[in-house]
Amino acid sequence: MKDREYEFLLNSYDKHNVTRENICNFYFGCEPQNIKETVVIAPWWEPDIFPEFIPELIHSAMFKHWQVSLNEKKFSYIKTGIGASVCADAVLVLGCTDCKNIIFI
């Protein structure tokens, strides 16, 4: 999706007084700046299947969200549930954050 079209979607929230902070808090349980630049999106698996990961659960409602440490690097890990639409919702919400890299597993 082109940046202009995505900005149109995000700006539509402004018409209804919904802030990007509200969106991020609702879906991920944190402020937008707490989402790391690298985010793992997983429809099914939780981070505990990877023995090297050190996960800290942040939020468990709409999506489950962890901050994970691996070899002194930190990233966000989001379990969306199964289905293209919920994965797409999570990716759209990431547009409200500083996320630059998405790894889908």
PDB file of N, CA and C in Angstrom:
ATOM      1  N   MET A   1       0.848  -1.174   0.000  1.00  0.00           N
ATOM      2  CA  MET A   1       0.000   0.000   0.000  1.00  0.00           C
ATOM      3  C   MET A   1       0.893   1.236   0.000  1.00  0.00           C
ATOM      4  N   LYS A   2       0.554   2.194  -0.783  1.00  0.00           N
ATOM      5  CA  LYS A   2       1.341   3.414  -0.853  1.00  0.00           C
ATOM      6  C   LYS A   2       1.209   4.181   0.451  1.00  0.00           C
ATOM      7  N   ASP A   3       2.281   4.918   0.815  1.00  0.00           N
ATOM      8  CA  ASP A   3       2.275   5.693   2.053  1.00  0.00           C
ATOM      9  C   ASP A   3       1.106   6.659   2.124  1.00  0.00           C
ATOM     10  N   ARG A   4       0.786   7.278   1.015  1.00  0.00           N
ATOM     11  CA  ARG A   4      -0.306   8.254   0.992  1.00  0.00           C
ATOM     12  C   ARG A   4      -1.636   7.592   1.342  1.00  0.00           C
ATOM     13  N   GLU A   5      -1.864   6.400   0.808  1.00  0.00           N
ATOM     14  CA  GLU A   5      -3.110   5.685   1.093  1.00  0.00           C
ATOM     15  C   GLU A   5      -3.165   5.252   2.554  1.00  0.00           C
ATOM     16  N   TYR A   6      -2.027   4.826   3.081  1.00  0.00           N
ATOM     17  CA  TYR A   6      -1.996   4.416   4.481  1.00  0.00           C
ATOM     18  C   TYR A   6      -2.213   5.613   5.391  1.00  0.00           C
ATOM     19  N   GLU A   7      -1.604   6.728   5.072  1.00  0.00           N
ATOM     20  CA  GLU A   7      -1.825   7.944   5.860  1.00  0.00           C
ATOM     21  C   GLU A   7      -3.297   8.345   5.832  1.00  0.00           C
ATOM     22  N   PHE A   8      -3.951   8.147   4.701  1.00  0.00           N
ATOM     23  CA  PHE A   8      -5.390   8.431   4.610  1.00  0.00           C
ATOM     24  C   PHE A   8      -6.156   7.584   5.616  1.00  0.00           C
ATOM     25  N   LEU A   9      -5.801   6.290   5.717  1.00  0.00           N
ATOM     26  CA  LEU A   9      -6.460   5.414   6.694  1.00  0.00           C
ATOM     27  C   LEU A   9      -6.220   5.901   8.119  1.00  0.00           C
ATOM     28  N   LEU A  10      -4.968   6.209   8.431  1.00  0.00           N
ATOM     29  CA  LEU A  10      -4.659   6.661   9.791  1.00  0.00           C
ATOM     30  C   LEU A  10      -5.327   7.999  10.100  1.00  0.00           C
ATOM     31  N   ASN A  11      -5.343   8.895   9.141  1.00  0.00           N
ATOM     32  CA  ASN A  11      -5.962  10.201   9.369  1.00  0.00           C
ATOM     33  C   ASN A  11      -7.468  10.095   9.558  1.00  0.00           C
ATOM     34  N   SER A  12      -8.069   9.043   9.036  1.00  0.00           N
ATOM     35  CA  SER A  12      -9.513   8.873   9.241  1.00  0.00           C
ATOM     36  C   SER A  12      -9.837   8.667  10.717  1.00  0.00           C
ATOM     37  N   TYR A  13      -8.900   8.116  11.474  1.00  0.00           N
ATOM     38  CA  TYR A  13      -9.118   7.981  12.913  1.00  0.00           C
ATOM     39  C   TYR A  13      -9.263   9.346  13.576  1.00  0.00           C
ATOM     40  N   ASP A  14      -8.478  10.314  13.084  1.00  0.00           N
ATOM     41  CA  ASP A  14      -8.518  11.652  13.671  1.00  0.00           C
ATOM     42  C   ASP A  14      -9.914  12.263  13.599  1.00  0.00           C
ATOM     43  N   LYS A  15     -10.652  11.954  12.562  1.00  0.00           N
ATOM     44  CA  LYS A  15     -12.007  12.492  12.405  1.00  0.00           C
ATOM     45  C   LYS A  15     -12.915  12.052  13.543  1.00  0.00           C
ATOM     46  N   HIS A  16     -12.600  10.935  14.169  1.00  0.00           N
ATOM     47  CA  HIS A  16     -13.428  10.387  15.232  1.00  0.00           C
ATOM     48  C   HIS A  16     -12.750  10.469  16.590  1.00  0.00           C
ATOM     49  N   ASN A  17     -11.732  11.328  16.680  1.00  0.00           N
ATOM     50  CA  ASN A  17     -10.989  11.556  17.924  1.00  0.00           C
ATOM     51  C   ASN A  17     -10.363  10.290  18.487  1.00  0.00           C
ATOM     52  N   VAL A  18      -9.901   9.422  17.613  1.00  0.00           N
ATOM     53  CA  VAL A  18      -9.175   8.227  18.028  1.00  0.00           C
ATOM     54  C   VAL A  18      -7.704   8.475  17.707  1.00  0.00           C
ATOM     55  N   THR A  19      -6.868   8.476  18.737  1.00  0.00           N
ATOM     56  CA  THR A  19      -5.455   8.765  18.524  1.00  0.00           C
ATOM     57  C   THR A  19      -4.679   7.486  18.221  1.00  0.00           C
ATOM     58  N   ARG A  20      -3.518   7.639  17.674  1.00  0.00           N
ATOM     59  CA  ARG A  20      -2.653   6.498  17.397  1.00  0.00           C
ATOM     60  C   ARG A  20      -2.239   5.818  18.708  1.00  0.00           C
ATOM     61  N   GLU A  21      -2.122   6.608  19.768  1.00  0.00           N
ATOM     62  CA  GLU A  21      -1.821   6.046  21.085  1.00  0.00           C
ATOM     63  C   GLU A  21      -2.963   5.156  21.561  1.00  0.00           C
ATOM     64  N   ASN A  22      -4.209   5.612  21.358  1.00  0.00           N
ATOM     65  CA  ASN A  22      -5.371   4.795  21.736  1.00  0.00           C
ATOM     66  C   ASN A  22      -5.377   3.474  20.988  1.00  0.00           C
ATOM     67  N   ILE A  23      -5.096   3.535  19.702  1.00  0.00           N
ATOM     68  CA  ILE A  23      -5.099   2.332  18.871  1.00  0.00           C
ATOM     69  C   ILE A  23      -4.046   1.350  19.361  1.00  0.00           C
ATOM     70  N   CYS A  24      -2.846   1.842  19.587  1.00  0.00           N
ATOM     71  CA  CYS A  24      -1.749   0.975  20.028  1.00  0.00           C
ATOM     72  C   CYS A  24      -2.042   0.392  21.410  1.00  0.00           C
ATOM     73  N   ASN A  25      -2.562   1.209  22.307  1.00  0.00           N
ATOM     74  CA  ASN A  25      -2.908   0.721  23.644  1.00  0.00           C
ATOM     75  C   ASN A  25      -3.980  -0.355  23.587  1.00  0.00           C
ATOM     76  N   PHE A  26      -4.987  -0.164  22.756  1.00  0.00           N
ATOM     77  CA  PHE A  26      -6.070  -1.134  22.663  1.00  0.00           C
ATOM     78  C   PHE A  26      -5.588  -2.475  22.140  1.00  0.00           C
ATOM     79  N   TYR A  27      -4.815  -2.457  21.060  1.00  0.00           N
ATOM     80  CA  TYR A  27      -4.391  -3.701  20.430  1.00  0.00           C
ATOM     81  C   TYR A  27      -3.164  -4.342  21.090  1.00  0.00           C
ATOM     82  N   PHE A  28      -2.174  -3.523  21.450  1.00  0.00           N
ATOM     83  CA  PHE A  28      -0.898  -4.059  21.933  1.00  0.00           C
ATOM     84  C   PHE A  28      -0.649  -3.813  23.420  1.00  0.00           C
ATOM     85  N   GLY A  29      -1.493  -3.027  24.080  1.00  0.00           N
ATOM     86  CA  GLY A  29      -1.356  -2.801  25.514  1.00  0.00           C
ATOM     87  C   GLY A  29      -0.170  -1.953  25.910  1.00  0.00           C
ATOM     88  N   CYS A  30       0.253  -1.052  25.023  1.00  0.00           N
ATOM     89  CA  CYS A  30       1.401  -0.202  25.337  1.00  0.00           C
ATOM     90  C   CYS A  30       1.331   1.072  24.503  1.00  0.00           C
ATOM     91  N   GLU A  31       2.221   1.991  24.827  1.00  0.00           N
ATOM     92  CA  GLU A  31       2.365   3.202  24.035  1.00  0.00           C
ATOM     93  C   GLU A  31       3.093   2.859  22.734  1.00  0.00           C
ATOM     94  N   PRO A  32       2.852   3.605  21.671  1.00  0.00           N
ATOM     95  CA  PRO A  32       3.492   3.291  20.389  1.00  0.00           C
ATOM     96  C   PRO A  32       5.019   3.213  20.468  1.00  0.00           C
ATOM     97  N   GLN A  33       5.639   4.050  21.291  1.00  0.00           N
ATOM     98  CA  GLN A  33       7.099   4.058  21.375  1.00  0.00           C
ATOM     99  C   GLN A  33       7.660   2.807  22.063  1.00  0.00           C
ATOM    100  N   ASN A  34       6.814   1.987  22.687  1.00  0.00           N
ATOM    101  CA  ASN A  34       7.279   0.760  23.326  1.00  0.00           C
ATOM    102  C   ASN A  34       7.392  -0.417  22.362  1.00  0.00           C
ATOM    103  N   ILE A  35       6.867  -0.270  21.163  1.00  0.00           N
ATOM    104  CA  ILE A  35       7.034  -1.308  20.146  1.00  0.00           C
ATOM    105  C   ILE A  35       8.414  -1.117  19.526  1.00  0.00           C
ATOM    106  N   LYS A  36       9.178  -2.177  19.485  1.00  0.00           N
ATOM    107  CA  LYS A  36      10.546  -2.110  18.969  1.00  0.00           C
ATOM    108  C   LYS A  36      10.552  -1.954  17.446  1.00  0.00           C
ATOM    109  N   GLU A  37      11.718  -1.620  16.891  1.00  0.00           N
ATOM    110  CA  GLU A  37      11.845  -1.467  15.443  1.00  0.00           C
ATOM    111  C   GLU A  37      11.628  -2.794  14.719  1.00  0.00           C
ATOM    112  N   THR A  38      11.982  -3.899  15.356  1.00  0.00           N
ATOM    113  CA  THR A  38      11.768  -5.220  14.780  1.00  0.00           C
ATOM    114  C   THR A  38      10.643  -5.909  15.537  1.00  0.00           C
ATOM    115  N   VAL A  39       9.682  -6.437  14.770  1.00  0.00           N
ATOM    116  CA  VAL A  39       8.520  -7.095  15.361  1.00  0.00           C
ATOM    117  C   VAL A  39       8.335  -8.451  14.686  1.00  0.00           C
ATOM    118  N   VAL A  40       8.167  -9.473  15.512  1.00  0.00           N
ATOM    119  CA  VAL A  40       7.808 -10.796  15.010  1.00  0.00           C
ATOM    120  C   VAL A  40       6.299 -10.906  15.098  1.00  0.00           C
ATOM    121  N   ILE A  41       5.666 -11.291  13.979  1.00  0.00           N
ATOM    122  CA  ILE A  41       4.225 -11.538  13.932  1.00  0.00           C
ATOM    123  C   ILE A  41       4.033 -13.050  13.811  1.00  0.00           C
ATOM    124  N   ALA A  42       3.287 -13.618  14.733  1.00  0.00           N
ATOM    125  CA  ALA A  42       3.048 -15.062  14.726  1.00  0.00           C
ATOM    126  C   ALA A  42       1.563 -15.320  14.932  1.00  0.00           C
ATOM    127  N   PRO A  43       0.900 -15.950  13.973  1.00  0.00           N
ATOM    128  CA  PRO A  43      -0.516 -16.245  14.160  1.00  0.00           C
ATOM    129  C   PRO A  43      -0.773 -17.271  15.268  1.00  0.00           C
ATOM    130  N   TRP A  44       0.125 -18.204  15.463  1.00  0.00           N
ATOM    131  CA  TRP A  44      -0.149 -19.306  16.386  1.00  0.00           C
ATOM    132  C   TRP A  44       0.878 -19.433  17.501  1.00  0.00           C
ATOM    133  N   TRP A  45       2.157 -19.465  17.152  1.00  0.00           N
ATOM    134  CA  TRP A  45       3.213 -19.762  18.133  1.00  0.00           C
ATOM    135  C   TRP A  45       3.450 -18.627  19.104  1.00  0.00           C
ATOM    136  N   GLU A  46       3.707 -19.000  20.348  1.00  0.00           N
ATOM    137  CA  GLU A  46       4.121 -18.044  21.365  1.00  0.00           C
ATOM    138  C   GLU A  46       5.640 -18.135  21.508  1.00  0.00           C
ATOM    139  N   PRO A  47       6.282 -17.114  22.048  1.00  0.00           N
ATOM    140  CA  PRO A  47       7.749 -17.097  22.050  1.00  0.00           C
ATOM    141  C   PRO A  47       8.405 -18.185  22.889  1.00  0.00           C
ATOM    142  N   ASP A  48       7.654 -18.827  23.779  1.00  0.00           N
ATOM    143  CA  ASP A  48       8.279 -19.852  24.625  1.00  0.00           C
ATOM    144  C   ASP A  48       8.644 -21.126  23.843  1.00  0.00           C
ATOM    145  N   ILE A  49       8.238 -21.227  22.569  1.00  0.00           N
ATOM    146  CA  ILE A  49       8.671 -22.390  21.785  1.00  0.00           C
ATOM    147  C   ILE A  49      10.130 -22.238  21.348  1.00  0.00           C
ATOM    148  N   PHE A  50      10.680 -21.042  21.485  1.00  0.00           N
ATOM    149  CA  PHE A  50      12.075 -20.785  21.145  1.00  0.00           C
ATOM    150  C   PHE A  50      12.874 -20.704  22.442  1.00  0.00           C
ATOM    151  N   PRO A  51      13.663 -21.724  22.773  1.00  0.00           N
ATOM    152  CA  PRO A  51      14.337 -21.755  24.075  1.00  0.00           C
ATOM    153  C   PRO A  51      15.333 -20.613  24.289  1.00  0.00           C
ATOM    154  N   GLU A  52      15.815 -20.001  23.212  1.00  0.00           N
ATOM    155  CA  GLU A  52      16.792 -18.912  23.351  1.00  0.00           C
ATOM    156  C   GLU A  52      16.134 -17.584  23.713  1.00  0.00           C
ATOM    157  N   PHE A  53      14.839 -17.460  23.477  1.00  0.00           N
ATOM    158  CA  PHE A  53      14.140 -16.201  23.734  1.00  0.00           C
ATOM    159  C   PHE A  53      13.901 -16.024  25.228  1.00  0.00           C
ATOM    160  N   ILE A  54      14.004 -14.782  25.676  1.00  0.00           N
ATOM    161  CA  ILE A  54      13.636 -14.409  27.045  1.00  0.00           C
ATOM    162  C   ILE A  54      12.452 -13.446  26.919  1.00  0.00           C
ATOM    163  N   PRO A  55      11.215 -13.984  27.001  1.00  0.00           N
ATOM    164  CA  PRO A  55      10.028 -13.144  26.780  1.00  0.00           C
ATOM    165  C   PRO A  55       9.481 -12.531  28.066  1.00  0.00           C
ATOM    166  N   GLU A  56       8.916 -11.341  27.912  1.00  0.00           N
ATOM    167  CA  GLU A  56       8.179 -10.684  28.995  1.00  0.00           C
ATOM    168  C   GLU A  56       6.813 -10.311  28.431  1.00  0.00           C
ATOM    169  N   LEU A  57       5.759 -10.919  28.965  1.00  0.00           N
ATOM    170  CA  LEU A  57       4.409 -10.644  28.481  1.00  0.00           C
ATOM    171  C   LEU A  57       4.014  -9.220  28.857  1.00  0.00           C
ATOM    172  N   ILE A  58       3.574  -8.459  27.865  1.00  0.00           N
ATOM    173  CA  ILE A  58       3.165  -7.072  28.076  1.00  0.00           C
ATOM    174  C   ILE A  58       1.640  -6.955  28.103  1.00  0.00           C
ATOM    175  N   HIS A  59       0.969  -7.697  27.202  1.00  0.00           N
ATOM    176  CA  HIS A  59      -0.473  -7.512  27.031  1.00  0.00           C
ATOM    177  C   HIS A  59      -1.088  -8.808  26.513  1.00  0.00           C
ATOM    178  N   SER A  60      -2.260  -9.118  27.014  1.00  0.00           N
ATOM    179  CA  SER A  60      -2.933 -10.337  26.567  1.00  0.00           C
ATOM    180  C   SER A  60      -4.430 -10.080  26.447  1.00  0.00           C
ATOM    181  N   ALA A  61      -4.805  -9.408  25.383  1.00  0.00           N
ATOM    182  CA  ALA A  61      -6.234  -9.177  25.136  1.00  0.00           C
ATOM    183  C   ALA A  61      -6.489  -9.378  23.649  1.00  0.00           C
ATOM    184  N   MET A  62      -6.648  -8.294  22.909  1.00  0.00           N
ATOM    185  CA  MET A  62      -6.903  -8.406  21.469  1.00  0.00           C
ATOM    186  C   MET A  62      -5.797  -9.241  20.816  1.00  0.00           C
ATOM    187  N   PHE A  63      -4.557  -8.829  21.008  1.00  0.00           N
ATOM    188  CA  PHE A  63      -3.384  -9.592  20.579  1.00  0.00           C
ATOM    189  C   PHE A  63      -2.529  -9.822  21.807  1.00  0.00           C
ATOM    190  N   LYS A  64      -1.761 -10.911  21.806  1.00  0.00           N
ATOM    191  CA  LYS A  64      -0.783 -11.107  22.871  1.00  0.00           C
ATOM    192  C   LYS A  64       0.514 -10.449  22.423  1.00  0.00           C
ATOM    193  N   HIS A  65       1.128  -9.707  23.328  1.00  0.00           N
ATOM    194  CA  HIS A  65       2.317  -8.925  22.991  1.00  0.00           C
ATOM    195  C   HIS A  65       3.393  -9.152  24.045  1.00  0.00           C
ATOM    196  N   TRP A  66       4.582  -9.508  23.594  1.00  0.00           N
ATOM    197  CA  TRP A  66       5.748  -9.688  24.464  1.00  0.00           C
ATOM    198  C   TRP A  66       6.864  -8.775  24.003  1.00  0.00           C
ATOM    199  N   GLN A  67       7.729  -8.403  24.953  1.00  0.00           N
ATOM    200  CA  GLN A  67       9.043  -7.857  24.625  1.00  0.00           C
ATOM    201  C   GLN A  67      10.002  -9.018  24.833  1.00  0.00           C
ATOM    202  N   VAL A  68      10.847  -9.276  23.845  1.00  0.00           N
ATOM    203  CA  VAL A  68      11.727 -10.438  23.880  1.00  0.00           C
ATOM    204  C   VAL A  68      13.179  -9.985  23.799  1.00  0.00           C
ATOM    205  N   SER A  69      14.023 -10.647  24.574  1.00  0.00           N
ATOM    206  CA  SER A  69      15.469 -10.437  24.500  1.00  0.00           C
ATOM    207  C   SER A  69      16.094 -11.682  23.902  1.00  0.00           C
ATOM    208  N   LEU A  70      17.058 -11.459  23.032  1.00  0.00           N
ATOM    209  CA  LEU A  70      17.801 -12.546  22.408  1.00  0.00           C
ATOM    210  C   LEU A  70      19.206 -12.032  22.127  1.00  0.00           C
ATOM    211  N   ASN A  71      20.185 -12.622  22.819  1.00  0.00           N
ATOM    212  CA  ASN A  71      21.579 -12.202  22.632  1.00  0.00           C
ATOM    213  C   ASN A  71      21.743 -10.691  22.758  1.00  0.00           C
ATOM    214  N   GLU A  72      21.193 -10.118  23.797  1.00  0.00           N
ATOM    215  CA  GLU A  72      21.272  -8.692  24.119  1.00  0.00           C
ATOM    216  C   GLU A  72      20.529  -7.793  23.129  1.00  0.00           C
ATOM    217  N   LYS A  73      19.772  -8.367  22.221  1.00  0.00           N
ATOM    218  CA  LYS A  73      18.927  -7.586  21.316  1.00  0.00           C
ATOM    219  C   LYS A  73      17.489  -7.728  21.783  1.00  0.00           C
ATOM    220  N   LYS A  74      16.715  -6.676  21.576  1.00  0.00           N
ATOM    221  CA  LYS A  74      15.314  -6.683  21.991  1.00  0.00           C
ATOM    222  C   LYS A  74      14.420  -6.475  20.773  1.00  0.00           C
ATOM    223  N   PHE A  75      13.294  -7.170  20.787  1.00  0.00           N
ATOM    224  CA  PHE A  75      12.303  -7.006  19.738  1.00  0.00           C
ATOM    225  C   PHE A  75      10.928  -7.274  20.326  1.00  0.00           C
ATOM    226  N   SER A  76       9.907  -6.864  19.593  1.00  0.00           N
ATOM    227  CA  SER A  76       8.534  -7.112  20.009  1.00  0.00           C
ATOM    228  C   SER A  76       8.048  -8.380  19.314  1.00  0.00           C
ATOM    229  N   TYR A  77       7.172  -9.107  19.991  1.00  0.00           N
ATOM    230  CA  TYR A  77       6.628 -10.362  19.475  1.00  0.00           C
ATOM    231  C   TYR A  77       5.124 -10.289  19.664  1.00  0.00           C
ATOM    232  N   ILE A  78       4.368 -10.442  18.582  1.00  0.00           N
ATOM    233  CA  ILE A  78       2.921 -10.309  18.645  1.00  0.00           C
ATOM    234  C   ILE A  78       2.260 -11.561  18.091  1.00  0.00           C
ATOM    235  N   LYS A  79       1.440 -12.182  18.926  1.00  0.00           N
ATOM    236  CA  LYS A  79       0.634 -13.324  18.491  1.00  0.00           C
ATOM    237  C   LYS A  79      -0.737 -12.780  18.113  1.00  0.00           C
ATOM    238  N   THR A  80      -1.099 -12.975  16.844  1.00  0.00           N
ATOM    239  CA  THR A  80      -2.319 -12.358  16.332  1.00  0.00           C
ATOM    240  C   THR A  80      -3.532 -13.263  16.371  1.00  0.00           C
ATOM    241  N   GLY A  81      -3.309 -14.572  16.303  1.00  0.00           N
ATOM    242  CA  GLY A  81      -4.401 -15.492  16.037  1.00  0.00           C
ATOM    243  C   GLY A  81      -4.387 -15.800  14.551  1.00  0.00           C
ATOM    244  N   ILE A  82      -5.106 -16.832  14.171  1.00  0.00           N
ATOM    245  CA  ILE A  82      -5.052 -17.325  12.801  1.00  0.00           C
ATOM    246  C   ILE A  82      -6.018 -16.554  11.901  1.00  0.00           C
ATOM    247  N   GLY A  83      -5.537 -16.224  10.714  1.00  0.00           N
ATOM    248  CA  GLY A  83      -6.370 -15.574   9.710  1.00  0.00           C
ATOM    249  C   GLY A  83      -5.705 -14.338   9.148  1.00  0.00           C
ATOM    250  N   ALA A  84      -5.884 -14.150   7.861  1.00  0.00           N
ATOM    251  CA  ALA A  84      -5.266 -13.012   7.185  1.00  0.00           C
ATOM    252  C   ALA A  84      -5.773 -11.680   7.728  1.00  0.00           C
ATOM    253  N   SER A  85      -7.041 -11.610   8.081  1.00  0.00           N
ATOM    254  CA  SER A  85      -7.599 -10.325   8.520  1.00  0.00           C
ATOM    255  C   SER A  85      -7.009  -9.867   9.849  1.00  0.00           C
ATOM    256  N   VAL A  86      -6.815 -10.780  10.806  1.00  0.00           N
ATOM    257  CA  VAL A  86      -6.240 -10.360  12.084  1.00  0.00           C
ATOM    258  C   VAL A  86      -4.761 -10.023  11.942  1.00  0.00           C
ATOM    259  N   CYS A  87      -4.063 -10.746  11.080  1.00  0.00           N
ATOM    260  CA  CYS A  87      -2.656 -10.407  10.815  1.00  0.00           C
ATOM    261  C   CYS A  87      -2.562  -9.025  10.172  1.00  0.00           C
ATOM    262  N   ALA A  88      -3.453  -8.758   9.225  1.00  0.00           N
ATOM    263  CA  ALA A  88      -3.475  -7.447   8.574  1.00  0.00           C
ATOM    264  C   ALA A  88      -3.790  -6.344   9.581  1.00  0.00           C
ATOM    265  N   ASP A  89      -4.718  -6.596  10.502  1.00  0.00           N
ATOM    266  CA  ASP A  89      -5.024  -5.607  11.543  1.00  0.00           C
ATOM    267  C   ASP A  89      -3.779  -5.270  12.352  1.00  0.00           C
ATOM    268  N   ALA A  90      -3.037  -6.296  12.746  1.00  0.00           N
ATOM    269  CA  ALA A  90      -1.825  -6.065  13.537  1.00  0.00           C
ATOM    270  C   ALA A  90      -0.808  -5.241  12.750  1.00  0.00           C
ATOM    271  N   VAL A  91      -0.633  -5.566  11.481  1.00  0.00           N
ATOM    272  CA  VAL A  91       0.328  -4.832  10.657  1.00  0.00           C
ATOM    273  C   VAL A  91      -0.116  -3.388  10.477  1.00  0.00           C
ATOM    274  N   LEU A  92      -1.407  -3.158  10.284  1.00  0.00           N
ATOM    275  CA  LEU A  92      -1.896  -1.788  10.169  1.00  0.00           C
ATOM    276  C   LEU A  92      -1.644  -0.994  11.450  1.00  0.00           C
ATOM    277  N   VAL A  93      -1.846  -1.625  12.598  1.00  0.00           N
ATOM    278  CA  VAL A  93      -1.598  -0.939  13.871  1.00  0.00           C
ATOM    279  C   VAL A  93      -0.107  -0.630  14.028  1.00  0.00           C
ATOM    280  N   LEU A  94       0.753  -1.494  13.511  1.00  0.00           N
ATOM    281  CA  LEU A  94       2.191  -1.229  13.585  1.00  0.00           C
ATOM    282  C   LEU A  94       2.563   0.073  12.879  1.00  0.00           C
ATOM    283  N   GLY A  95       1.722   0.536  11.964  1.00  0.00           N
ATOM    284  CA  GLY A  95       1.950   1.823  11.320  1.00  0.00           C
ATOM    285  C   GLY A  95       1.885   2.989  12.283  1.00  0.00           C
ATOM    286  N   CYS A  96       1.322   2.781  13.454  1.00  0.00           N
ATOM    287  CA  CYS A  96       1.252   3.814  14.494  1.00  0.00           C
ATOM    288  C   CYS A  96       2.494   3.814  15.376  1.00  0.00           C
ATOM    289  N   THR A  97       3.436   2.929  15.089  1.00  0.00           N
ATOM    290  CA  THR A  97       4.618   2.746  15.932  1.00  0.00           C
ATOM    291  C   THR A  97       5.885   3.041  15.128  1.00  0.00           C
ATOM    292  N   ASP A  98       7.039   2.792  15.758  1.00  0.00           N
ATOM    293  CA  ASP A  98       8.326   2.971  15.084  1.00  0.00           C
ATOM    294  C   ASP A  98       8.816   1.690  14.425  1.00  0.00           C
ATOM    295  N   CYS A  99       7.946   0.726  14.252  1.00  0.00           N
ATOM    296  CA  CYS A  99       8.322  -0.549  13.640  1.00  0.00           C
ATOM    297  C   CYS A  99       8.882  -0.316  12.234  1.00  0.00           C
ATOM    298  N   LYS A 100      10.031  -0.972  11.963  1.00  0.00           N
ATOM    299  CA  LYS A 100      10.646  -0.864  10.636  1.00  0.00           C
ATOM    300  C   LYS A 100      10.800  -2.220   9.968  1.00  0.00           C
ATOM    301  N   ASN A 101      10.815  -3.280  10.757  1.00  0.00           N
ATOM    302  CA  ASN A 101      11.021  -4.646  10.242  1.00  0.00           C
ATOM    303  C   ASN A 101       9.979  -5.567  10.821  1.00  0.00           C
ATOM    304  N   ILE A 102       9.337  -6.346   9.956  1.00  0.00           N
ATOM    305  CA  ILE A 102       8.376  -7.343  10.401  1.00  0.00           C
ATOM    306  C   ILE A 102       8.863  -8.699   9.953  1.00  0.00           C
ATOM    307  N   ILE A 103       8.911  -9.624  10.909  1.00  0.00           N
ATOM    308  CA  ILE A 103       9.256 -11.012  10.609  1.00  0.00           C
ATOM    309  C   ILE A 103       8.006 -11.831  10.865  1.00  0.00           C
ATOM    310  N   PHE A 104       7.510 -12.491   9.830  1.00  0.00           N
ATOM    311  CA  PHE A 104       6.300 -13.306   9.957  1.00  0.00           C
ATOM    312  C   PHE A 104       6.709 -14.760  10.090  1.00  0.00           C
ATOM    313  N   ILE A 105       6.212 -15.412  11.153  1.00  0.00           N
ATOM    314  CA  ILE A 105       6.522 -16.839  11.320  1.00  0.00           C
ATOM    315  C   ILE A 105       5.244 -17.637  11.424  1.00  0.00           C
TER     316      ILE A 105
END
